[in-house]
Amino acid sequence: MKPPFAVKLHLIALLAFLGLAASQCWAQEKSVEAIPEPSLEQRVAGLEAYFSNGDPTATLRNEVGLVPEGLTTPVAHIAGPGHNTWMMVSAVLVLFMTLPGLALFYGGLVRSKNVLSVMAWCLGITSLVTILWWGVGYSLVFGKNFNSPYFGGTEFFFFRGVDSLPNPDYSFWVSHNVFAMFQLMFAIITPVVLIGAIVERMKFSAVLLFVTLWLLLVYCPLAHMTWGSNGLMNGVWNPLATFKAVDFAGGIVVEMASGWSALVLCLMVGPRHGYGKTPMPPHSMVLCMIGTGLLWVGWYGFNAGSAVAADGIAANAFTTTTLTTAVAAGTWAVLEYFMRGKASVLGFCTGAVAGLVAVTPACGFITGSAAVGLGVVGTVCSFLACTKIKSIFKYDDALDVFGVHGVAGTVGMLFTGIFATTEVNGNLAVNLSDYVGHGLWRGQLGAIVVALMVAVIGTAVIAYFVQILIGLRVEPEEEMQGLDLAQHGEEGYIYNTKS
């Protein structure tokens, strides 16, 4: 019996497909055979690139600067185990800063009836931002198919293509998914820092809605403009950057964004009930001190990890972070002693955090001596903001987010523009050689202005929208009762509801 006509057509189509596939394989084989194997010198150069955190394909490039298709080295396009390990550890350290670092630091500074609310905010924001980062956030920062200096692209939505191979736009040796996780931890901690200004009086639902909009409309564009491969201000990697500015670990993206946004938000939410009339001391300086120590330890992943490699630049960031932080803690205590006659534990803790903030944009660009100077300058400015400016204008920034993060972060950005040197970080020589030492501060100043505009205007618009939609504050009765019970139905401590 003859096969039906339709079967014949299927057989003909199948044979045609197999013939086409075979011809393609033959052509590919022929093409690969025509490509020479990398030489011993190229293989050795690839291994050397691993140790120097360089491009493993550099020695394979032809006369026009391109790598012939199919030509590779044994170490090209794979993650380097040492660099990858360091970045995974760094990601864990940055998460450690939020959970439990900031949770304990902030939890110790609020009144006992609001401790669990702070913990809930930290956990809630961590969960929320992770989902947003996976869905769209990472791509809006580190994608590039929008070809925009303000937003990244859509190519990495839902982590499409974010696999264990390196993304050479940001690292030759770190897995793309590890890099994405490291950057996620920055996206988590930034809004957690911000909400310290409005603890003890803002609705949990309003916090989550505000953070959702703020992450997408303030954090993502600022991060892309600063760190994106084609970002507006990324002077290190983008030769067409409008502002030749540098931010090693988040002076703009984390510190200025959270600090200046915190000032706007606390003004719009309004002061706590009884602020300025009723004492509101920290309920547990022990928790605050433990939280400070965890922040300090975690900050090594934050700063040294921002080298995106276990290399000499990371080592320099590690060193400058230590020097600035220690000097800053002592400077704050000295200022307190001369102005108030006593050096408090709270002063040591606040000074240490101010130093960590100030050195964040600078740590991978400045020398140890400059780091010591930054510890003094950044702390003095932050101290004056927390003790003088706040008392003059009487705004209720509950945990001094603006005074510490906003002010010290801004000072650190300017300081970087003055003291950054190619002797510490050779990447500055790529597109900034004409600016370093005698003009980079102008680019830093321009970047600061852009960051202020985005953070201040964006936060004001978002807060106003949330206020209209669901309201920002809890009811007065709930605020008096404490947010632990009123918002979460739990008690962290036995407390006096009249406090």
Protein backbone atom coordinates (compact mmCIF):
# COMPACT_ATOMS: atom_id res chain seq x y z
CA MET A 1 0.00 0.00 0.00
CA LYS A 2 1.41 3.41 -0.99
CA PRO A 3 1.85 5.92 1.80
CA PRO A 4 -0.62 8.86 1.75
CA PHE A 5 0.44 12.06 0.05
CA ALA A 6 0.69 13.90 3.42
CA VAL A 7 3.13 11.29 4.72
CA LYS A 8 5.25 11.75 1.60
CA LEU A 9 5.34 15.48 2.21
CA HIS A 10 6.42 14.93 5.83
CA LEU A 11 9.17 12.56 4.71
CA ILE A 12 10.40 15.01 2.08
CA ALA A 13 10.39 17.86 4.63
CA LEU A 14 12.25 15.70 7.17
CA LEU A 15 14.91 14.72 4.62
CA ALA A 16 15.30 18.36 3.60
CA PHE A 17 15.68 19.41 7.24
CA LEU A 18 18.27 16.71 7.92
CA GLY A 19 20.15 17.69 4.79
CA LEU A 20 20.16 21.35 5.84
CA ALA A 21 21.32 20.44 9.35
CA ALA A 22 24.11 18.27 7.98
CA SER A 23 25.27 21.02 5.66
CA GLN A 24 25.28 23.51 8.54
CA CYS A 25 27.29 21.12 10.73
CA TRP A 26 29.74 20.54 7.88
CA ALA A 27 30.08 24.27 7.32
CA GLN A 28 30.60 24.85 11.03
CA GLU A 29 33.18 22.05 11.20
CA LYS A 30 34.95 23.48 8.21
CA SER A 31 34.84 26.96 9.80
CA VAL A 32 36.21 25.69 13.12
CA GLU A 33 38.93 23.71 11.39
CA ALA A 34 40.05 26.90 9.69
CA ILE A 35 40.54 28.63 13.06
CA PRO A 36 43.94 28.05 14.61
CA GLU A 37 44.24 26.72 18.12
CA PRO A 38 45.48 29.29 20.65
CA SER A 39 49.21 29.26 21.07
CA LEU A 40 51.01 28.41 24.29
CA GLU A 41 51.73 32.12 24.78
CA GLN A 42 48.03 32.92 24.43
CA ARG A 43 47.11 30.21 26.93
CA VAL A 44 49.64 31.53 29.43
CA ALA A 45 48.41 35.09 28.85
CA GLY A 46 44.87 33.92 29.59
CA LEU A 47 45.98 32.50 32.94
CA GLU A 48 47.88 35.68 33.72
CA ALA A 49 44.73 37.64 32.99
CA TYR A 50 42.97 35.63 35.69
CA PHE A 51 45.48 36.66 38.32
CA SER A 52 45.45 40.30 37.23
CA ASN A 53 41.64 40.42 36.81
CA GLY A 54 42.12 41.26 33.13
CA ASP A 55 40.52 40.31 29.83
CA PRO A 56 41.35 36.65 28.98
CA THR A 57 40.61 37.24 25.29
CA ALA A 58 42.97 40.22 24.87
CA THR A 59 45.77 38.18 23.29
CA LEU A 60 43.37 36.60 20.80
CA ARG A 61 42.30 39.83 19.14
CA ASN A 62 43.19 40.35 15.49
CA GLU A 63 44.35 43.48 13.70
CA VAL A 64 40.92 45.14 13.97
CA GLY A 65 40.54 44.34 17.64
CA LEU A 66 38.08 41.45 17.31
CA VAL A 67 38.35 37.85 18.52
CA PRO A 68 37.92 35.43 15.57
CA GLU A 69 34.72 33.44 15.91
CA GLY A 70 35.30 30.14 17.66
CA LEU A 71 38.79 31.01 18.89
CA THR A 72 39.17 30.86 22.63
CA THR A 73 41.52 29.96 25.45
CA PRO A 74 40.99 27.41 28.22
CA VAL A 75 40.14 30.22 30.66
CA ALA A 76 38.07 32.55 28.46
CA HIS A 77 34.37 32.95 29.24
CA ILE A 78 34.46 30.90 32.44
CA ALA A 79 34.17 32.07 36.03
CA GLY A 80 37.43 32.20 37.97
CA PRO A 81 37.07 30.22 41.22
CA GLY A 82 38.96 32.68 43.43
CA HIS A 83 37.16 35.80 42.22
CA ASN A 84 33.82 33.99 42.24
CA THR A 85 34.32 32.77 45.80
CA TRP A 86 35.22 36.24 47.04
CA MET A 87 32.11 37.73 45.42
CA MET A 88 29.83 35.11 46.96
CA VAL A 89 31.37 35.82 50.38
CA SER A 90 30.99 39.57 49.77
CA ALA A 91 27.32 39.15 48.86
CA VAL A 92 26.74 37.27 52.11
CA LEU A 93 28.57 40.00 54.06
CA VAL A 94 26.38 42.73 52.55
CA LEU A 95 23.23 40.77 53.37
CA PHE A 96 24.69 40.36 56.87
CA MET A 97 24.67 44.16 57.13
CA THR A 98 20.87 44.17 56.78
CA LEU A 99 20.04 40.91 58.50
CA PRO A 100 20.90 41.16 61.33
CA GLY A 101 23.20 44.25 61.26
CA LEU A 102 20.77 47.10 60.59
CA ALA A 103 17.93 45.22 62.25
CA LEU A 104 19.84 45.23 65.55
CA PHE A 105 21.37 48.70 65.06
CA TYR A 106 18.01 50.31 64.35
CA GLY A 107 16.17 48.00 66.76
CA GLY A 108 18.35 49.17 69.64
CA LEU A 109 17.82 52.85 68.83
CA VAL A 110 14.02 52.87 68.83
CA ARG A 111 11.76 52.61 71.86
CA SER A 112 11.01 49.10 73.07
CA LYS A 113 7.42 49.15 71.80
CA ASN A 114 8.64 49.50 68.21
CA VAL A 115 11.54 46.99 68.07
CA LEU A 116 9.68 44.26 66.20
CA SER A 117 8.28 46.74 63.67
CA VAL A 118 11.86 47.59 62.66
CA MET A 119 12.64 43.88 62.35
CA ALA A 120 9.53 43.37 60.23
CA TRP A 121 10.49 46.24 57.95
CA CYS A 122 13.96 44.77 57.42
CA LEU A 123 12.58 41.32 56.60
CA GLY A 124 9.70 42.65 54.49
CA ILE A 125 11.94 44.90 52.41
CA THR A 126 14.44 42.08 51.88
CA SER A 127 11.72 39.82 50.51
CA LEU A 128 10.07 42.53 48.41
CA VAL A 129 13.24 43.88 46.82
CA THR A 130 14.48 40.39 45.96
CA ILE A 131 11.33 39.75 43.92
CA LEU A 132 11.52 43.15 42.22
CA TRP A 133 15.22 42.66 41.45
CA TRP A 134 14.60 39.27 39.88
CA GLY A 135 11.65 40.54 37.85
CA VAL A 136 12.82 43.88 36.47
CA GLY A 137 15.23 45.72 38.78
CA TYR A 138 18.49 44.07 37.80
CA SER A 139 17.81 44.53 34.12
CA LEU A 140 16.81 48.19 34.54
CA VAL A 141 20.20 48.83 36.18
CA PHE A 142 22.64 46.56 34.36
CA GLY A 143 20.91 45.87 31.05
CA LYS A 144 21.67 48.07 28.06
CA ASN A 145 19.23 47.42 25.22
CA PHE A 146 17.42 50.70 25.94
CA ASN A 147 20.71 52.33 24.89
CA SER A 148 19.91 54.98 27.50
CA PRO A 149 22.10 56.75 30.06
CA TYR A 150 19.20 56.66 32.54
CA PHE A 151 17.76 53.12 32.42
CA GLY A 152 19.32 49.80 31.44
CA GLY A 153 17.10 47.52 29.40
CA THR A 154 14.75 44.55 29.33
CA GLU A 155 17.13 41.76 28.30
CA PHE A 156 17.57 40.44 31.84
CA PHE A 157 13.92 40.58 32.97
CA PHE A 158 13.14 37.58 35.22
CA PHE A 159 16.89 36.80 35.13
CA ARG A 160 16.71 35.68 31.51
CA GLY A 161 20.29 34.96 30.48
CA VAL A 162 21.64 35.52 33.99
CA ASP A 163 23.64 32.30 34.22
CA SER A 164 26.94 31.12 35.67
CA LEU A 165 29.04 32.54 32.84
CA PRO A 166 30.61 35.99 33.31
CA ASN A 167 29.03 39.13 31.90
CA PRO A 168 32.13 40.86 30.46
CA ASP A 169 30.45 44.28 30.68
CA TYR A 170 31.13 44.10 34.43
CA SER A 171 33.54 41.26 35.09
CA PHE A 172 35.63 38.79 33.11
CA TRP A 173 35.85 36.32 35.99
CA VAL A 174 32.69 36.48 38.12
CA SER A 175 29.55 34.53 37.23
CA HIS A 176 26.73 36.71 35.99
CA ASN A 177 24.31 35.30 38.56
CA VAL A 178 26.79 35.89 41.39
CA PHE A 179 27.26 39.50 40.26
CA ALA A 180 23.47 39.91 40.16
CA MET A 181 23.15 38.54 43.70
CA PHE A 182 25.91 40.83 44.98
CA GLN A 183 24.15 43.84 43.50
CA LEU A 184 20.83 42.64 44.94
CA MET A 185 22.23 43.08 48.44
CA PHE A 186 22.91 46.77 47.70
CA ALA A 187 19.36 47.17 46.42
CA ILE A 188 18.07 45.62 49.66
CA ILE A 189 20.08 47.62 52.17
CA THR A 190 19.51 51.05 50.58
CA PRO A 191 15.76 51.35 51.33
CA VAL A 192 16.33 49.67 54.72
CA VAL A 193 18.75 52.49 55.58
CA LEU A 194 16.24 55.06 54.33
CA ILE A 195 13.34 53.95 56.53
CA GLY A 196 15.37 54.67 59.68
CA ALA A 197 14.22 58.28 59.37
CA ILE A 198 10.53 57.46 59.78
CA VAL A 199 10.50 54.61 62.29
CA GLU A 200 7.81 54.47 64.97
CA ARG A 201 5.10 56.20 62.91
CA MET A 202 4.73 54.94 59.33
CA LYS A 203 2.33 52.21 58.21
CA PHE A 204 3.88 48.89 57.24
CA SER A 205 1.76 48.80 54.07
CA ALA A 206 2.87 52.33 53.19
CA VAL A 207 6.52 51.36 53.73
CA LEU A 208 6.23 48.45 51.29
CA LEU A 209 4.41 50.50 48.65
CA PHE A 210 6.86 53.38 49.00
CA VAL A 211 9.86 51.05 48.72
CA THR A 212 8.43 49.39 45.60
CA LEU A 213 8.05 52.70 43.77
CA TRP A 214 11.26 54.18 45.17
CA LEU A 215 13.36 51.22 44.09
CA LEU A 216 12.08 51.39 40.51
CA LEU A 217 11.96 55.17 40.08
CA VAL A 218 14.88 56.41 42.21
CA TYR A 219 17.31 53.59 42.97
CA CYS A 220 17.33 51.88 39.55
CA PRO A 221 17.97 55.02 37.46
CA LEU A 222 20.60 56.31 39.89
CA ALA A 223 22.36 52.94 39.93
CA HIS A 224 22.35 52.72 36.13
CA MET A 225 23.56 56.29 35.72
CA THR A 226 26.41 55.61 38.16
CA TRP A 227 27.37 51.98 37.49
CA GLY A 228 25.72 50.97 34.21
CA SER A 229 28.15 50.28 31.37
CA ASN A 230 26.55 53.10 29.37
CA GLY A 231 25.40 55.16 32.38
CA LEU A 232 25.24 58.95 32.43
CA MET A 233 27.96 59.38 35.07
CA ASN A 234 30.05 56.22 34.77
CA GLY A 235 33.33 57.89 33.91
CA VAL A 236 35.47 54.77 34.42
CA TRP A 237 33.94 52.57 31.73
CA ASN A 238 31.86 54.90 29.58
CA PRO A 239 33.94 57.31 27.48
CA LEU A 240 30.76 59.19 26.52
CA ALA A 241 29.68 59.81 30.11
CA THR A 242 28.19 63.27 30.57
CA PHE A 243 29.84 63.62 33.96
CA LYS A 244 33.26 62.09 34.51
CA ALA A 245 32.36 60.88 38.00
CA VAL A 246 33.32 57.82 40.03
CA ASP A 247 31.58 56.04 42.89
CA PHE A 248 33.42 52.92 44.01
CA ALA A 249 30.89 51.27 46.32
CA GLY A 250 27.78 53.44 46.56
CA GLY A 251 28.35 57.00 47.73
CA ILE A 252 25.60 58.13 45.36
CA VAL A 253 23.68 54.93 44.79
CA VAL A 254 23.33 53.90 48.43
CA GLU A 255 24.36 56.67 50.82
CA MET A 256 23.24 59.89 49.14
CA ALA A 257 20.14 58.25 47.69
CA SER A 258 19.00 56.92 51.08
CA GLY A 259 20.15 59.94 53.14
CA TRP A 260 18.61 62.74 51.09
CA SER A 261 15.47 60.71 50.42
CA ALA A 262 15.18 60.11 54.16
CA LEU A 263 15.19 63.86 54.81
CA VAL A 264 12.36 64.43 52.34
CA LEU A 265 10.33 61.49 53.63
CA CYS A 266 10.59 62.43 57.32
CA LEU A 267 9.48 65.98 56.48
CA MET A 268 6.45 64.66 54.59
CA VAL A 269 5.51 62.07 57.22
CA GLY A 270 5.92 64.55 60.05
CA PRO A 271 7.42 64.19 63.54
CA ARG A 272 6.58 61.50 66.07
CA HIS A 273 3.94 62.27 68.67
CA GLY A 274 5.64 64.20 71.45
CA TYR A 275 8.85 64.82 69.52
CA GLY A 276 10.81 67.65 71.12
CA LYS A 277 8.71 67.45 74.29
CA THR A 278 8.99 63.82 75.43
CA PRO A 279 12.40 62.12 75.80
CA MET A 280 12.83 59.30 73.26
CA PRO A 281 16.14 57.66 74.20
CA PRO A 282 17.36 54.40 72.64
CA HIS A 283 15.97 51.45 74.55
CA SER A 284 19.05 49.21 74.20
CA MET A 285 22.53 50.47 73.44
CA VAL A 286 23.72 46.87 73.73
CA LEU A 287 21.73 45.94 70.62
CA CYS A 288 22.93 49.11 68.91
CA MET A 289 26.57 48.27 69.67
CA ILE A 290 26.18 44.70 68.39
CA GLY A 291 24.51 46.02 65.25
CA THR A 292 27.36 48.49 64.70
CA GLY A 293 29.92 45.71 64.92
CA LEU A 294 28.00 43.61 62.41
CA LEU A 295 27.74 46.59 60.07
CA TRP A 296 31.47 47.23 60.29
CA VAL A 297 32.32 43.60 59.52
CA GLY A 298 29.76 43.37 56.72
CA TRP A 299 30.98 46.62 55.18
CA TYR A 300 34.18 44.88 54.04
CA GLY A 301 32.03 42.92 51.60
CA PHE A 302 30.26 46.14 50.69
CA ASN A 303 33.45 48.09 49.92
CA ALA A 304 36.17 45.56 49.10
CA GLY A 305 33.63 43.42 47.25
CA SER A 306 32.88 46.33 44.93
CA ALA A 307 36.20 45.64 43.20
CA VAL A 308 34.31 42.62 41.76
CA ALA A 309 37.53 40.64 42.13
CA ALA A 310 39.92 39.39 44.79
CA ASP A 311 42.67 41.73 43.65
CA GLY A 312 44.87 44.62 44.75
CA ILE A 313 42.08 47.18 44.42
CA ALA A 314 39.94 45.12 46.79
CA ALA A 315 42.88 44.99 49.20
CA ASN A 316 43.18 48.78 49.09
CA ALA A 317 39.44 49.19 49.71
CA PHE A 318 39.73 46.81 52.67
CA THR A 319 42.55 48.89 54.14
CA THR A 320 41.03 52.33 53.62
CA THR A 321 37.70 51.15 55.01
CA THR A 322 39.39 50.08 58.24
CA LEU A 323 41.38 53.29 58.64
CA THR A 324 38.53 55.71 57.95
CA THR A 325 36.07 53.87 60.19
CA ALA A 326 38.39 53.62 63.18
CA VAL A 327 39.43 57.27 62.90
CA ALA A 328 35.80 58.36 62.50
CA ALA A 329 34.64 56.50 65.61
CA GLY A 330 37.37 58.14 67.69
CA THR A 331 36.77 61.57 66.16
CA TRP A 332 33.07 61.54 67.08
CA ALA A 333 33.92 60.51 70.65
CA VAL A 334 36.48 63.32 70.94
CA LEU A 335 33.96 65.87 69.67
CA GLU A 336 31.41 64.64 72.21
CA TYR A 337 33.95 64.81 75.01
CA PHE A 338 34.88 68.42 74.29
CA MET A 339 31.30 69.56 73.75
CA ARG A 340 29.49 67.53 76.42
CA GLY A 341 32.19 66.29 78.76
CA LYS A 342 31.58 62.57 78.04
CA ALA A 343 32.21 60.17 75.19
CA SER A 344 29.16 57.94 74.73
CA VAL A 345 28.83 54.47 73.22
CA LEU A 346 26.19 55.92 70.91
CA GLY A 347 28.78 58.45 69.75
CA PHE A 348 31.35 55.76 68.99
CA CYS A 349 28.71 53.79 67.05
CA THR A 350 27.45 56.78 65.10
CA GLY A 351 30.97 57.89 64.29
CA ALA A 352 31.93 54.45 63.02
CA VAL A 353 28.91 54.35 60.69
CA ALA A 354 29.65 57.89 59.48
CA GLY A 355 33.19 56.79 58.62
CA LEU A 356 31.96 53.70 56.80
CA VAL A 357 29.58 55.87 54.80
CA ALA A 358 32.18 58.53 53.96
CA VAL A 359 34.77 56.05 52.67
CA THR A 360 32.27 54.08 50.57
CA PRO A 361 32.65 56.07 47.32
CA ALA A 362 36.39 56.59 47.86
CA CYS A 363 37.78 53.31 49.24
CA GLY A 364 39.01 51.90 45.94
CA PHE A 365 40.53 55.17 44.72
CA ILE A 366 42.41 56.79 47.63
CA THR A 367 45.52 56.08 49.69
CA GLY A 368 45.64 55.15 53.38
CA SER A 369 46.73 58.66 54.40
CA ALA A 370 43.80 60.20 52.53
CA ALA A 371 41.51 57.68 54.25
CA VAL A 372 42.63 58.95 57.67
CA GLY A 373 41.89 62.52 56.62
CA LEU A 374 38.49 61.50 55.32
CA GLY A 375 37.70 59.89 58.67
CA VAL A 376 38.16 63.27 60.37
CA VAL A 377 36.50 65.50 57.76
CA GLY A 378 33.51 63.26 57.12
CA THR A 379 32.83 62.77 60.82
CA VAL A 380 33.02 66.47 61.70
CA CYS A 381 30.51 67.32 58.95
CA SER A 382 28.21 64.50 60.00
CA PHE A 383 28.47 65.46 63.69
CA LEU A 384 27.48 69.04 62.93
CA ALA A 385 24.54 67.87 60.80
CA CYS A 386 23.23 65.58 63.56
CA THR A 387 23.73 67.98 66.46
CA LYS A 388 23.43 71.50 65.05
CA ILE A 389 21.51 71.50 61.77
CA LYS A 390 18.91 69.06 63.08
CA SER A 391 18.30 71.13 66.22
CA ILE A 392 18.02 74.36 64.20
CA PHE A 393 15.45 73.07 61.71
CA LYS A 394 13.76 70.65 64.17
CA TYR A 395 12.96 67.88 61.69
CA ASP A 396 12.37 64.41 63.12
CA ASP A 397 14.94 62.24 61.36
CA ALA A 398 14.53 59.57 64.02
CA LEU A 399 17.81 57.67 63.50
CA ASP A 400 19.86 60.46 61.85
CA VAL A 401 19.83 58.89 58.41
CA PHE A 402 20.30 62.24 56.69
CA GLY A 403 22.99 63.47 59.08
CA VAL A 404 25.04 60.28 58.79
CA HIS A 405 24.33 58.82 55.36
CA GLY A 406 23.28 61.88 53.38
CA VAL A 407 25.95 64.25 54.66
CA ALA A 408 28.87 61.82 55.02
CA GLY A 409 28.06 60.26 51.65
CA THR A 410 28.09 63.66 49.95
CA VAL A 411 31.38 64.61 51.63
CA GLY A 412 32.87 61.27 50.56
CA MET A 413 31.92 61.88 46.92
CA LEU A 414 33.62 65.30 46.89
CA PHE A 415 36.65 63.94 48.74
CA THR A 416 36.98 61.21 46.10
CA GLY A 417 37.11 63.82 43.36
CA ILE A 418 40.04 65.53 45.07
CA PHE A 419 42.12 62.59 46.29
CA ALA A 420 41.45 59.74 43.81
CA THR A 421 44.69 58.58 42.21
CA THR A 422 45.69 56.27 39.38
CA GLU A 423 48.44 54.90 41.62
CA VAL A 424 45.76 53.15 43.64
CA ASN A 425 43.35 52.28 40.83
CA GLY A 426 44.64 52.01 37.27
CA ASN A 427 41.08 51.89 35.92
CA LEU A 428 40.96 55.65 36.44
CA ALA A 429 43.46 55.99 33.62
CA VAL A 430 41.02 54.52 31.07
CA ASN A 431 38.88 57.60 30.54
CA LEU A 432 39.78 59.88 33.44
CA SER A 433 43.51 60.50 33.08
CA ASP A 434 42.90 64.15 32.15
CA TYR A 435 40.63 64.66 35.15
CA VAL A 436 42.28 62.89 38.07
CA GLY A 437 44.00 65.30 40.43
CA HIS A 438 42.85 68.54 38.84
CA GLY A 439 39.30 68.36 37.62
CA LEU A 440 37.56 65.18 38.71
CA TRP A 441 35.92 67.10 41.55
CA ARG A 442 33.87 69.00 38.94
CA GLY A 443 32.45 65.76 37.63
CA GLN A 444 31.78 64.62 41.19
CA LEU A 445 29.94 67.88 41.87
CA GLY A 446 27.82 67.42 38.75
CA ALA A 447 27.00 63.86 39.78
CA ILE A 448 26.00 65.06 43.25
CA VAL A 449 23.58 67.59 41.75
CA VAL A 450 22.00 64.92 39.53
CA ALA A 451 21.69 62.54 42.48
CA LEU A 452 20.06 65.21 44.64
CA MET A 453 17.52 66.05 41.96
CA VAL A 454 16.55 62.43 41.37
CA ALA A 455 16.41 61.52 45.08
CA VAL A 456 14.64 64.64 46.36
CA ILE A 457 12.11 65.08 43.56
CA GLY A 458 11.49 61.37 43.13
CA THR A 459 10.94 60.78 46.86
CA ALA A 460 8.60 63.76 47.19
CA VAL A 461 6.43 62.61 44.29
CA ILE A 462 6.32 59.00 45.47
CA ALA A 463 5.53 59.93 49.09
CA TYR A 464 2.76 62.26 47.94
CA PHE A 465 1.27 59.48 45.79
CA VAL A 466 1.36 56.98 48.67
CA GLN A 467 -0.19 59.56 51.00
CA ILE A 468 -3.11 60.05 48.61
CA LEU A 469 -3.55 56.35 47.91
CA ILE A 470 -3.32 54.72 51.37
CA GLY A 471 -1.86 57.30 53.76
CA LEU A 472 1.63 57.35 55.25
CA ARG A 473 1.08 57.40 59.00
CA VAL A 474 -0.52 55.08 61.50
CA GLU A 475 -3.36 56.42 63.63
CA PRO A 476 -2.33 58.40 66.74
CA GLU A 477 -3.67 55.65 68.99
CA GLU A 478 -1.56 53.04 67.22
CA GLU A 479 1.52 55.22 67.48
CA MET A 480 1.01 55.61 71.23
CA GLN A 481 0.41 51.89 71.64
CA GLY A 482 3.50 50.99 69.62
CA LEU A 483 3.79 49.53 66.15
CA ASP A 484 4.78 46.08 67.44
CA LEU A 485 1.26 45.39 68.64
CA ALA A 486 -0.68 47.78 66.43
CA GLN A 487 0.85 46.71 63.10
CA HIS A 488 2.15 43.20 63.75
CA GLY A 489 0.23 41.85 66.74
CA GLU A 490 3.38 40.91 68.64
CA GLU A 491 5.41 42.11 71.60
CA GLY A 492 9.17 42.21 71.57
CA TYR A 493 9.51 43.59 75.07
CA ILE A 494 7.37 44.31 78.09
CA TYR A 495 6.91 48.03 77.92
CA ASN A 496 4.94 50.91 79.31
CA THR A 497 2.43 52.01 76.67
CA LYS A 498 2.68 55.59 77.95
CA SER A 499 6.35 55.85 76.98
